[in-house]
Amino acid sequence: MLNRRTLLAASGAALAASTFARPHIARAAAPFVQPPLPYDESALAPTISARTVGLHYGKHHKGYFDKLNALTAGTPYADLDLEAAIRRAADEKEAAIFNNAGQAWNHNFYWQQFTDGPAAPPPALVQAAERDFGGIDALKKQIVEVGSSVFGSGWVWLVEDGDTLAVVGLKDAGNPVAEKMRPLLGIDVWEHAYYLDWENRRPAHIQAVLDERVNWSAVGERLGA
């Protein structure tokens, strides 16, 4: 479904292909339920302030779940989990459902990657980064460059795309689920994710998140998971 994404940069060499890695996403019977934030709103400060987390999680993230439930109530989508809803909406070109389900899923993944962070990357990730990007610092540089190049709103992802490790920028609610890629790390580059703290300095925000908040140990565990 390459027509559904903007691929801004990709880099890599062969990695062992394996099953699609999923973040731990709670799913009850309908309606779709927003998982609790896995830490206090102040836990990511000063990189991401408590005010930003409160608005991002409590207003924007919650809003995607609220809209998704309103859109899917009484439809076959209400019986699906988020990943299945994203795939079906992509196939059936249900843009509103795709956007809200995608953003609900994206944010679930986003918050979880900071749990118990920051933490150093494990040897397997260090080796993969060295082989495919020239090292962890070069990998981070690629993520910053791609994330800064996303025009308007969207996400930058580190993924396994088949046998290739890649950094991709996806517009709006684009996410690896619809693209059949394994997500390893995702940074939100919508302005609501950083503007209160960093104003228009998106590259500096992405770099700080990578250096100061990402649990790279958890990112590495998704390789080959």
C-alpha atoms as a PDB file:
ATOM      1  CA  MET A   1       0.000   0.000   0.000  1.00  0.00           C
ATOM      2  CA  LEU A   2       2.834   2.386  -0.860  1.00  0.00           C
ATOM      3  CA  ASN A   3       0.318   4.876  -2.211  1.00  0.00           C
ATOM      4  CA  ARG A   4      -0.905   5.416   1.364  1.00  0.00           C
ATOM      5  CA  ARG A   5       2.371   6.678   2.717  1.00  0.00           C
ATOM      6  CA  THR A   6       5.088   9.192   2.055  1.00  0.00           C
ATOM      7  CA  LEU A   7       8.388   7.344   2.238  1.00  0.00           C
ATOM      8  CA  LEU A   8      10.956  10.004   3.008  1.00  0.00           C
ATOM      9  CA  ALA A   9      14.031   7.925   3.738  1.00  0.00           C
ATOM     10  CA  ALA A  10      14.996   4.319   4.017  1.00  0.00           C
ATOM     11  CA  SER A  11      18.249   2.672   4.847  1.00  0.00           C
ATOM     12  CA  GLY A  12      19.283  -0.798   5.690  1.00  0.00           C
ATOM     13  CA  ALA A  13      20.588  -4.239   5.057  1.00  0.00           C
ATOM     14  CA  ALA A  14      19.107  -7.662   5.596  1.00  0.00           C
ATOM     15  CA  LEU A  15      17.721  -8.475   9.031  1.00  0.00           C
ATOM     16  CA  ALA A  16      16.053 -11.722  10.062  1.00  0.00           C
ATOM     17  CA  ALA A  17      12.375 -11.533   9.115  1.00  0.00           C
ATOM     18  CA  SER A  18       9.926 -12.481  11.818  1.00  0.00           C
ATOM     19  CA  THR A  19       6.398 -11.944  13.024  1.00  0.00           C
ATOM     20  CA  PHE A  20       4.978  -8.438  13.365  1.00  0.00           C
ATOM     21  CA  ALA A  21       5.811  -6.860  16.743  1.00  0.00           C
ATOM     22  CA  ARG A  22       2.897  -5.302  18.555  1.00  0.00           C
ATOM     23  CA  PRO A  23       2.951  -2.866  21.455  1.00  0.00           C
ATOM     24  CA  HIS A  24       0.955  -4.051  24.456  1.00  0.00           C
ATOM     25  CA  ILE A  25      -2.458  -2.515  23.754  1.00  0.00           C
ATOM     26  CA  ALA A  26      -5.362  -3.227  26.036  1.00  0.00           C
ATOM     27  CA  ARG A  27      -8.546  -4.078  24.141  1.00  0.00           C
ATOM     28  CA  ALA A  28     -11.823  -4.667  25.866  1.00  0.00           C
ATOM     29  CA  ALA A  29     -15.124  -5.436  24.226  1.00  0.00           C
ATOM     30  CA  ALA A  30     -16.521  -2.397  22.425  1.00  0.00           C
ATOM     31  CA  PRO A  31     -15.922   0.435  22.807  1.00  0.00           C
ATOM     32  CA  PHE A  32     -12.223   0.937  22.111  1.00  0.00           C
ATOM     33  CA  VAL A  33     -10.494   1.823  25.364  1.00  0.00           C
ATOM     34  CA  GLN A  34      -7.577   4.226  25.754  1.00  0.00           C
ATOM     35  CA  PRO A  35      -4.870   2.569  27.895  1.00  0.00           C
ATOM     36  CA  PRO A  36      -3.759   4.455  30.986  1.00  0.00           C
ATOM     37  CA  LEU A  37      -0.629   6.557  30.744  1.00  0.00           C
ATOM     38  CA  PRO A  38       2.171   4.273  32.043  1.00  0.00           C
ATOM     39  CA  TYR A  39       3.758   6.987  34.230  1.00  0.00           C
ATOM     40  CA  ASP A  40       3.005  10.361  35.798  1.00  0.00           C
ATOM     41  CA  GLU A  41       2.475  13.291  33.452  1.00  0.00           C
ATOM     42  CA  SER A  42       5.658  14.891  34.810  1.00  0.00           C
ATOM     43  CA  ALA A  43       7.833  11.822  34.177  1.00  0.00           C
ATOM     44  CA  LEU A  44       9.128  13.003  30.776  1.00  0.00           C
ATOM     45  CA  ALA A  45      10.024  16.551  31.867  1.00  0.00           C
ATOM     46  CA  PRO A  46      11.865  18.661  30.975  1.00  0.00           C
ATOM     47  CA  THR A  47      12.159  17.064  27.504  1.00  0.00           C
ATOM     48  CA  ILE A  48       8.366  16.801  27.307  1.00  0.00           C
ATOM     49  CA  SER A  49       6.650  18.889  29.954  1.00  0.00           C
ATOM     50  CA  ALA A  50       3.792  17.746  32.166  1.00  0.00           C
ATOM     51  CA  ARG A  51       1.602  20.354  30.462  1.00  0.00           C
ATOM     52  CA  THR A  52       2.353  18.898  27.029  1.00  0.00           C
ATOM     53  CA  VAL A  53       1.791  15.323  28.231  1.00  0.00           C
ATOM     54  CA  GLY A  54      -1.483  16.324  29.870  1.00  0.00           C
ATOM     55  CA  LEU A  55      -2.819  17.948  26.725  1.00  0.00           C
ATOM     56  CA  HIS A  56      -1.351  15.371  24.357  1.00  0.00           C
ATOM     57  CA  TYR A  57      -2.612  12.337  26.264  1.00  0.00           C
ATOM     58  CA  GLY A  58      -5.713  13.803  27.901  1.00  0.00           C
ATOM     59  CA  LYS A  59      -7.059  15.795  24.954  1.00  0.00           C
ATOM     60  CA  HIS A  60      -5.570  14.667  21.639  1.00  0.00           C
ATOM     61  CA  HIS A  61      -5.040  10.953  22.326  1.00  0.00           C
ATOM     62  CA  LYS A  62      -8.355  10.677  24.164  1.00  0.00           C
ATOM     63  CA  GLY A  63     -10.057  12.547  21.345  1.00  0.00           C
ATOM     64  CA  TYR A  64      -9.019   9.922  18.794  1.00  0.00           C
ATOM     65  CA  PHE A  65     -10.586   7.179  20.901  1.00  0.00           C
ATOM     66  CA  ASP A  66     -13.760   9.217  21.425  1.00  0.00           C
ATOM     67  CA  LYS A  67     -14.122   9.882  17.690  1.00  0.00           C
ATOM     68  CA  LEU A  68     -13.300   6.291  16.787  1.00  0.00           C
ATOM     69  CA  ASN A  69     -15.977   4.967  19.117  1.00  0.00           C
ATOM     70  CA  ALA A  70     -18.534   7.417  17.720  1.00  0.00           C
ATOM     71  CA  LEU A  71     -17.678   6.396  14.159  1.00  0.00           C
ATOM     72  CA  THR A  72     -17.725   2.649  14.770  1.00  0.00           C
ATOM     73  CA  ALA A  73     -20.636   2.222  17.179  1.00  0.00           C
ATOM     74  CA  GLY A  74     -23.058  -0.363  15.768  1.00  0.00           C
ATOM     75  CA  THR A  75     -20.726  -1.271  12.875  1.00  0.00           C
ATOM     76  CA  PRO A  76     -18.548  -4.352  12.291  1.00  0.00           C
ATOM     77  CA  TYR A  77     -15.533  -2.248  13.300  1.00  0.00           C
ATOM     78  CA  ALA A  78     -16.739  -2.228  16.901  1.00  0.00           C
ATOM     79  CA  ASP A  79     -15.863  -5.918  17.214  1.00  0.00           C
ATOM     80  CA  LEU A  80     -12.289  -5.497  15.976  1.00  0.00           C
ATOM     81  CA  ASP A  81      -9.073  -4.612  17.775  1.00  0.00           C
ATOM     82  CA  LEU A  82      -7.203  -1.487  16.718  1.00  0.00           C
ATOM     83  CA  GLU A  83      -4.854  -3.219  14.298  1.00  0.00           C
ATOM     84  CA  ALA A  84      -7.668  -5.026  12.518  1.00  0.00           C
ATOM     85  CA  ALA A  85      -9.700  -1.813  12.371  1.00  0.00           C
ATOM     86  CA  ILE A  86      -6.762   0.035  10.798  1.00  0.00           C
ATOM     87  CA  ARG A  87      -6.237  -2.640   8.161  1.00  0.00           C
ATOM     88  CA  ARG A  88      -9.925  -2.877   7.298  1.00  0.00           C
ATOM     89  CA  ALA A  89     -10.340   0.890   7.110  1.00  0.00           C
ATOM     90  CA  ALA A  90      -7.293   1.130   4.845  1.00  0.00           C
ATOM     91  CA  ASP A  91      -8.655  -1.583   2.544  1.00  0.00           C
ATOM     92  CA  GLU A  92     -12.144  -0.077   2.464  1.00  0.00           C
ATOM     93  CA  LYS A  93     -10.901   3.512   2.195  1.00  0.00           C
ATOM     94  CA  GLU A  94     -12.771   4.586   5.319  1.00  0.00           C
ATOM     95  CA  ALA A  95     -10.615   7.667   5.879  1.00  0.00           C
ATOM     96  CA  ALA A  96     -12.192   8.919   9.102  1.00  0.00           C
ATOM     97  CA  ILE A  97     -12.016   5.516  10.798  1.00  0.00           C
ATOM     98  CA  PHE A  98      -8.478   4.946   9.505  1.00  0.00           C
ATOM     99  CA  ASN A  99      -7.271   8.314  10.792  1.00  0.00           C
ATOM    100  CA  ASN A 100      -8.710   7.948  14.274  1.00  0.00           C
ATOM    101  CA  ALA A 101      -7.826   4.271  14.693  1.00  0.00           C
ATOM    102  CA  GLY A 102      -4.337   4.966  13.363  1.00  0.00           C
ATOM    103  CA  GLN A 103      -3.769   7.854  15.719  1.00  0.00           C
ATOM    104  CA  ALA A 104      -5.133   5.882  18.679  1.00  0.00           C
ATOM    105  CA  TRP A 105      -2.684   3.058  17.901  1.00  0.00           C
ATOM    106  CA  ASN A 106       0.222   5.408  17.166  1.00  0.00           C
ATOM    107  CA  HIS A 107      -0.142   7.139  20.500  1.00  0.00           C
ATOM    108  CA  ASN A 108      -0.437   3.872  22.432  1.00  0.00           C
ATOM    109  CA  PHE A 109       2.911   2.885  20.934  1.00  0.00           C
ATOM    110  CA  TYR A 110       4.397   6.359  21.463  1.00  0.00           C
ATOM    111  CA  TRP A 111       3.750   6.529  25.218  1.00  0.00           C
ATOM    112  CA  GLN A 112       4.920   2.977  25.859  1.00  0.00           C
ATOM    113  CA  GLN A 113       8.367   3.450  24.318  1.00  0.00           C
ATOM    114  CA  PHE A 114       9.302   5.878  27.103  1.00  0.00           C
ATOM    115  CA  THR A 115       8.490   3.451  29.924  1.00  0.00           C
ATOM    116  CA  ASP A 116      11.571   2.796  32.104  1.00  0.00           C
ATOM    117  CA  GLY A 117      13.594   5.062  29.827  1.00  0.00           C
ATOM    118  CA  PRO A 118      16.021   6.363  28.969  1.00  0.00           C
ATOM    119  CA  ALA A 119      17.943   3.123  28.617  1.00  0.00           C
ATOM    120  CA  ALA A 120      20.916   2.102  26.505  1.00  0.00           C
ATOM    121  CA  PRO A 121      20.460  -0.016  23.376  1.00  0.00           C
ATOM    122  CA  PRO A 122      21.225  -3.739  23.715  1.00  0.00           C
ATOM    123  CA  PRO A 123      24.065  -5.319  21.689  1.00  0.00           C
ATOM    124  CA  ALA A 124      21.751  -6.607  18.947  1.00  0.00           C
ATOM    125  CA  LEU A 125      20.460  -3.122  18.221  1.00  0.00           C
ATOM    126  CA  VAL A 126      23.943  -1.612  18.402  1.00  0.00           C
ATOM    127  CA  GLN A 127      25.161  -4.169  15.861  1.00  0.00           C
ATOM    128  CA  ALA A 128      22.186  -3.616  13.557  1.00  0.00           C
ATOM    129  CA  ALA A 129      22.608   0.160  13.723  1.00  0.00           C
ATOM    130  CA  GLU A 130      26.319  -0.151  13.002  1.00  0.00           C
ATOM    131  CA  ARG A 131      25.705  -2.412  10.033  1.00  0.00           C
ATOM    132  CA  ASP A 132      22.768  -0.522   8.542  1.00  0.00           C
ATOM    133  CA  PHE A 133      23.407   3.124   9.473  1.00  0.00           C
ATOM    134  CA  GLY A 134      27.002   3.356  10.670  1.00  0.00           C
ATOM    135  CA  GLY A 135      26.129   3.404  14.375  1.00  0.00           C
ATOM    136  CA  ILE A 136      23.494   4.547  16.860  1.00  0.00           C
ATOM    137  CA  ASP A 137      24.410   8.225  16.447  1.00  0.00           C
ATOM    138  CA  ALA A 138      24.060   7.925  12.671  1.00  0.00           C
ATOM    139  CA  LEU A 139      20.708   6.192  13.147  1.00  0.00           C
ATOM    140  CA  LYS A 140      19.512   9.030  15.370  1.00  0.00           C
ATOM    141  CA  LYS A 141      20.697  11.569  12.809  1.00  0.00           C
ATOM    142  CA  GLN A 142      18.648   9.805  10.137  1.00  0.00           C
ATOM    143  CA  ILE A 143      15.550   9.857  12.358  1.00  0.00           C
ATOM    144  CA  VAL A 144      16.001  13.587  13.024  1.00  0.00           C
ATOM    145  CA  GLU A 145      16.468  14.345   9.330  1.00  0.00           C
ATOM    146  CA  VAL A 146      13.460  12.318   8.225  1.00  0.00           C
ATOM    147  CA  GLY A 147      11.249  13.590  11.037  1.00  0.00           C
ATOM    148  CA  SER A 148      12.199  17.165  10.233  1.00  0.00           C
ATOM    149  CA  SER A 149      11.341  16.597   6.572  1.00  0.00           C
ATOM    150  CA  VAL A 150       7.753  15.449   7.169  1.00  0.00           C
ATOM    151  CA  PHE A 151       5.721  18.316   5.704  1.00  0.00           C
ATOM    152  CA  GLY A 152       2.976  19.360   8.081  1.00  0.00           C
ATOM    153  CA  SER A 153       1.788  16.682  10.501  1.00  0.00           C
ATOM    154  CA  GLY A 154       2.843  13.074  10.758  1.00  0.00           C
ATOM    155  CA  TRP A 155       5.252  10.571  12.275  1.00  0.00           C
ATOM    156  CA  VAL A 156       8.786   9.322  11.850  1.00  0.00           C
ATOM    157  CA  TRP A 157       9.284   5.587  12.409  1.00  0.00           C
ATOM    158  CA  LEU A 158      12.174   3.202  12.766  1.00  0.00           C
ATOM    159  CA  VAL A 159      10.873  -0.037  11.270  1.00  0.00           C
ATOM    160  CA  GLU A 160      11.737  -3.389   9.880  1.00  0.00           C
ATOM    161  CA  ASP A 161      10.278  -3.408   6.373  1.00  0.00           C
ATOM    162  CA  GLY A 162      10.550  -7.008   5.260  1.00  0.00           C
ATOM    163  CA  ASP A 163      14.266  -7.750   5.587  1.00  0.00           C
ATOM    164  CA  THR A 164      15.262  -4.088   5.701  1.00  0.00           C
ATOM    165  CA  LEU A 165      15.775  -1.747   8.614  1.00  0.00           C
ATOM    166  CA  ALA A 166      14.431   1.656   7.581  1.00  0.00           C
ATOM    167  CA  VAL A 167      13.542   5.121   8.791  1.00  0.00           C
ATOM    168  CA  VAL A 168      10.301   6.323   7.240  1.00  0.00           C
ATOM    169  CA  GLY A 169       8.207   9.439   7.499  1.00  0.00           C
ATOM    170  CA  LEU A 170       4.455   8.962   7.251  1.00  0.00           C
ATOM    171  CA  LYS A 171       1.890  11.711   6.848  1.00  0.00           C
ATOM    172  CA  ASP A 172      -0.933  12.425   9.273  1.00  0.00           C
ATOM    173  CA  ALA A 173      -2.124   9.143  10.881  1.00  0.00           C
ATOM    174  CA  GLY A 174       0.133   6.916   8.797  1.00  0.00           C
ATOM    175  CA  ASN A 175       1.542   3.996  10.726  1.00  0.00           C
ATOM    176  CA  PRO A 176       3.394   0.730  10.155  1.00  0.00           C
ATOM    177  CA  VAL A 177       0.298  -1.436  10.721  1.00  0.00           C
ATOM    178  CA  ALA A 178      -1.273  -0.423   7.422  1.00  0.00           C
ATOM    179  CA  GLU A 179       2.089  -0.685   5.672  1.00  0.00           C
ATOM    180  CA  LYS A 180       2.850  -4.213   6.943  1.00  0.00           C
ATOM    181  CA  MET A 181       6.052  -3.038   8.612  1.00  0.00           C
ATOM    182  CA  ARG A 182       7.333  -3.898  12.082  1.00  0.00           C
ATOM    183  CA  PRO A 183       7.515  -0.760  14.273  1.00  0.00           C
ATOM    184  CA  LEU A 184      10.566  -0.368  16.482  1.00  0.00           C
ATOM    185  CA  LEU A 185      10.260   3.297  17.452  1.00  0.00           C
ATOM    186  CA  GLY A 186       7.907   6.149  16.552  1.00  0.00           C
ATOM    187  CA  ILE A 187       8.171   9.893  17.148  1.00  0.00           C
ATOM    188  CA  ASP A 188       5.110  12.119  16.831  1.00  0.00           C
ATOM    189  CA  VAL A 189       5.881  15.236  14.786  1.00  0.00           C
ATOM    190  CA  TRP A 190       2.426  16.789  14.988  1.00  0.00           C
ATOM    191  CA  GLU A 191       2.831  20.214  16.586  1.00  0.00           C
ATOM    192  CA  HIS A 192       0.748  19.230  19.603  1.00  0.00           C
ATOM    193  CA  ALA A 193       3.563  16.852  20.572  1.00  0.00           C
ATOM    194  CA  TYR A 194       6.223  19.522  21.011  1.00  0.00           C
ATOM    195  CA  TYR A 195       5.195  23.118  20.307  1.00  0.00           C
ATOM    196  CA  LEU A 196       4.512  24.215  23.898  1.00  0.00           C
ATOM    197  CA  ASP A 197       8.019  23.138  24.907  1.00  0.00           C
ATOM    198  CA  TRP A 198      10.082  23.594  21.740  1.00  0.00           C
ATOM    199  CA  GLU A 199       8.059  26.023  19.621  1.00  0.00           C
ATOM    200  CA  ASN A 200       9.178  25.593  15.990  1.00  0.00           C
ATOM    201  CA  ARG A 201      12.389  23.687  16.837  1.00  0.00           C
ATOM    202  CA  ARG A 202      11.170  20.287  15.680  1.00  0.00           C
ATOM    203  CA  PRO A 203      14.653  18.854  14.968  1.00  0.00           C
ATOM    204  CA  ALA A 204      15.863  19.761  18.463  1.00  0.00           C
ATOM    205  CA  HIS A 205      12.786  18.154  19.981  1.00  0.00           C
ATOM    206  CA  ILE A 206      13.290  14.903  18.064  1.00  0.00           C
ATOM    207  CA  GLN A 207      16.973  14.794  19.013  1.00  0.00           C
ATOM    208  CA  ALA A 208      16.199  15.390  22.692  1.00  0.00           C
ATOM    209  CA  VAL A 209      13.535  12.679  22.736  1.00  0.00           C
ATOM    210  CA  LEU A 210      15.969  10.196  21.175  1.00  0.00           C
ATOM    211  CA  ASP A 211      18.787  11.132  23.561  1.00  0.00           C
ATOM    212  CA  GLU A 212      16.871  11.660  26.790  1.00  0.00           C
ATOM    213  CA  ARG A 213      13.593   9.745  26.824  1.00  0.00           C
ATOM    214  CA  VAL A 214      13.496   6.688  24.530  1.00  0.00           C
ATOM    215  CA  ASN A 215      13.983   3.304  26.187  1.00  0.00           C
ATOM    216  CA  TRP A 216      16.408   1.913  23.608  1.00  0.00           C
ATOM    217  CA  SER A 217      16.533  -1.391  25.442  1.00  0.00           C
ATOM    218  CA  ALA A 218      12.838  -1.907  24.681  1.00  0.00           C
ATOM    219  CA  VAL A 219      13.393  -0.808  21.078  1.00  0.00           C
ATOM    220  CA  GLY A 220      16.081  -3.464  20.727  1.00  0.00           C
ATOM    221  CA  GLU A 221      13.848  -6.139  22.178  1.00  0.00           C
ATOM    222  CA  ARG A 222      11.430  -5.643  19.261  1.00  0.00           C
ATOM    223  CA  LEU A 223      14.094  -6.754  16.793  1.00  0.00           C
ATOM    224  CA  GLY A 224      13.179 -10.273  15.775  1.00  0.00           C
ATOM    225  CA  ALA A 225      10.338 -10.386  18.285  1.00  0.00           C
END
